[in-house]
C-alpha atoms as a PDB file:
ATOM      1  CA  UNK A   1       6.831   0.239 -16.268  1.00  0.00           C
ATOM      2  CA  UNK A   2       5.946   3.427 -14.506  1.00  0.00           C
ATOM      3  CA  UNK A   3       4.303   4.643 -17.888  1.00  0.00           C
ATOM      4  CA  UNK A   4       1.076   2.766 -17.626  1.00  0.00           C
ATOM      5  CA  UNK A   5      -0.413   4.505 -14.003  1.00  0.00           C
ATOM      6  CA  UNK A   6       0.952   7.434 -15.323  1.00  0.00           C
ATOM      7  CA  UNK A   7      -1.296   7.596 -18.253  1.00  0.00           C
ATOM      8  CA  UNK A   8      -4.263   6.359 -16.025  1.00  0.00           C
ATOM      9  CA  UNK A   9      -3.335   9.343 -13.703  1.00  0.00           C
ATOM     10  CA  UNK A  10      -3.489  11.631 -17.033  1.00  0.00           C
ATOM     11  CA  UNK A  11      -7.082   9.909 -18.296  1.00  0.00           C
ATOM     12  CA  UNK A  12      -9.116   9.536 -15.185  1.00  0.00           C
ATOM     13  CA  UNK A  13      -9.122  12.655 -12.782  1.00  0.00           C
ATOM     14  CA  UNK A  14     -10.186  10.602  -9.907  1.00  0.00           C
ATOM     15  CA  UNK A  15      -6.848   8.318 -10.001  1.00  0.00           C
ATOM     16  CA  UNK A  16      -3.541   9.528  -8.638  1.00  0.00           C
ATOM     17  CA  UNK A  17      -0.138   7.977  -9.216  1.00  0.00           C
ATOM     18  CA  UNK A  18       2.585   8.358  -6.445  1.00  0.00           C
ATOM     19  CA  UNK A  19       5.403   5.967  -6.826  1.00  0.00           C
ATOM     20  CA  UNK A  20       7.375   4.834  -3.844  1.00  0.00           C
ATOM     21  CA  UNK A  21      10.463   3.660  -3.272  1.00  0.00           C
ATOM     22  CA  UNK A  22      11.777   1.848  -0.291  1.00  0.00           C
ATOM     23  CA  UNK A  23      14.897   1.606  -0.770  1.00  0.00           C
ATOM     24  CA  UNK A  24      16.015   4.565  -3.053  1.00  0.00           C
ATOM     25  CA  UNK A  25      19.010   5.620  -4.230  1.00  0.00           C
ATOM     26  CA  UNK A  26      20.530   8.898  -3.962  1.00  0.00           C
ATOM     27  CA  UNK A  27      19.340  10.446  -6.850  1.00  0.00           C
ATOM     28  CA  UNK A  28      15.630   9.790  -6.070  1.00  0.00           C
ATOM     29  CA  UNK A  29      13.593  12.958  -5.476  1.00  0.00           C
ATOM     30  CA  UNK A  30      10.562  10.930  -4.803  1.00  0.00           C
ATOM     31  CA  UNK A  31       8.449   9.250  -2.037  1.00  0.00           C
ATOM     32  CA  UNK A  32      10.187   6.717   0.140  1.00  0.00           C
ATOM     33  CA  UNK A  33       9.955   4.168   3.071  1.00  0.00           C
ATOM     34  CA  UNK A  34       7.107   1.526   2.940  1.00  0.00           C
ATOM     35  CA  UNK A  35       3.926   2.523   0.667  1.00  0.00           C
ATOM     36  CA  UNK A  36       1.159   2.587   3.095  1.00  0.00           C
ATOM     37  CA  UNK A  37       3.383   5.204   5.221  1.00  0.00           C
ATOM     38  CA  UNK A  38       3.184   7.301   2.309  1.00  0.00           C
ATOM     39  CA  UNK A  39      -0.425   6.781   1.344  1.00  0.00           C
ATOM     40  CA  UNK A  40      -1.834   7.502   4.826  1.00  0.00           C
ATOM     41  CA  UNK A  41      -0.010  10.781   4.357  1.00  0.00           C
ATOM     42  CA  UNK A  42      -2.377  11.778   2.295  1.00  0.00           C
ATOM     43  CA  UNK A  43      -5.324   9.420   3.239  1.00  0.00           C
ATOM     44  CA  UNK A  44      -5.717   9.729   7.047  1.00  0.00           C
ATOM     45  CA  UNK A  45      -9.338   8.884   7.088  1.00  0.00           C
ATOM     46  CA  UNK A  46     -10.213   5.738   5.369  1.00  0.00           C
ATOM     47  CA  UNK A  47     -13.617   4.757   6.841  1.00  0.00           C
ATOM     48  CA  UNK A  48     -15.688   5.121   3.981  1.00  0.00           C
ATOM     49  CA  UNK A  49     -13.082   3.007   2.075  1.00  0.00           C
ATOM     50  CA  UNK A  50     -11.294  -0.562   0.888  1.00  0.00           C
ATOM     51  CA  UNK A  51      -8.000  -1.251   0.675  1.00  0.00           C
ATOM     52  CA  UNK A  52      -6.468  -3.942  -1.286  1.00  0.00           C
ATOM     53  CA  UNK A  53      -2.821  -5.109  -0.918  1.00  0.00           C
ATOM     54  CA  UNK A  54      -0.212  -7.194  -2.011  1.00  0.00           C
ATOM     55  CA  UNK A  55       3.336  -8.230  -0.753  1.00  0.00           C
ATOM     56  CA  UNK A  56       5.622  -9.247   1.827  1.00  0.00           C
ATOM     57  CA  UNK A  57       3.412 -10.745   4.876  1.00  0.00           C
ATOM     58  CA  UNK A  58       4.889  -8.347   6.974  1.00  0.00           C
ATOM     59  CA  UNK A  59       4.109  -5.740   4.701  1.00  0.00           C
ATOM     60  CA  UNK A  60       0.611  -7.072   4.578  1.00  0.00           C
ATOM     61  CA  UNK A  61       0.444  -6.929   8.376  1.00  0.00           C
ATOM     62  CA  UNK A  62       1.756  -3.611   9.130  1.00  0.00           C
ATOM     63  CA  UNK A  63      -0.207  -1.711   6.259  1.00  0.00           C
ATOM     64  CA  UNK A  64      -3.352  -3.826   8.168  1.00  0.00           C
ATOM     65  CA  UNK A  65      -2.633  -2.674  11.366  1.00  0.00           C
ATOM     66  CA  UNK A  66      -1.703   0.647  10.496  1.00  0.00           C
ATOM     67  CA  UNK A  67      -5.148   1.612   8.223  1.00  0.00           C
ATOM     68  CA  UNK A  68      -6.984   0.207  11.051  1.00  0.00           C
ATOM     69  CA  UNK A  69      -5.744   2.064  13.982  1.00  0.00           C
ATOM     70  CA  UNK A  70      -4.243   5.185  11.938  1.00  0.00           C
ATOM     71  CA  UNK A  71      -6.996   6.155   9.896  1.00  0.00           C
ATOM     72  CA  UNK A  72     -10.005   4.332  10.501  1.00  0.00           C
ATOM     73  CA  UNK A  73     -10.127   0.809   8.277  1.00  0.00           C
ATOM     74  CA  UNK A  74     -12.912  -1.536   9.274  1.00  0.00           C
ATOM     75  CA  UNK A  75     -11.307  -4.629   9.945  1.00  0.00           C
ATOM     76  CA  UNK A  76     -13.386  -6.063   7.076  1.00  0.00           C
ATOM     77  CA  UNK A  77     -12.666  -3.274   4.297  1.00  0.00           C
ATOM     78  CA  UNK A  78      -9.000  -4.946   4.125  1.00  0.00           C
ATOM     79  CA  UNK A  79      -8.091  -7.504   1.397  1.00  0.00           C
ATOM     80  CA  UNK A  80      -5.061  -9.173   1.067  1.00  0.00           C
ATOM     81  CA  UNK A  81      -2.908 -11.232  -0.813  1.00  0.00           C
ATOM     82  CA  UNK A  82       0.162 -11.762   0.913  1.00  0.00           C
ATOM     83  CA  UNK A  83       3.427 -12.952  -1.336  1.00  0.00           C
ATOM     84  CA  UNK A  84       4.637 -16.470   0.105  1.00  0.00           C
ATOM     85  CA  UNK A  85       7.400 -18.735  -1.702  1.00  0.00           C
ATOM     86  CA  UNK A  86       5.776 -21.729  -3.375  1.00  0.00           C
ATOM     87  CA  UNK A  87       5.201 -24.357  -0.806  1.00  0.00           C
ATOM     88  CA  UNK A  88       5.644 -22.212   2.500  1.00  0.00           C
ATOM     89  CA  UNK A  89       2.618 -21.369   4.354  1.00  0.00           C
ATOM     90  CA  UNK A  90       2.104 -17.616   5.452  1.00  0.00           C
ATOM     91  CA  UNK A  91       3.631 -16.673   8.698  1.00  0.00           C
ATOM     92  CA  UNK A  92       0.457 -16.432  11.460  1.00  0.00           C
ATOM     93  CA  UNK A  93      -1.249 -12.686  11.609  1.00  0.00           C
ATOM     94  CA  UNK A  94       0.092 -12.197  15.225  1.00  0.00           C
END
């Protein structure tokens, strides 16, 4: 479904679409790894930003940690919805 965010990026000058694959195949020429690490390559200062994240609980914890410690994101400006299997509580934030 890359076509939709590509359209957004064309229509809105402030929107930038960068697809990131965590496990790319040999033919992939784009960004690879964890998406928050790819974002930190472009956005090194987040003190005036808000971050909205969703996904695997471990990924959410690492993104929060890295955005706060490496880019200065205020702790109260990180909002997340970790994806967990129905009926299972998310792991502790530890």
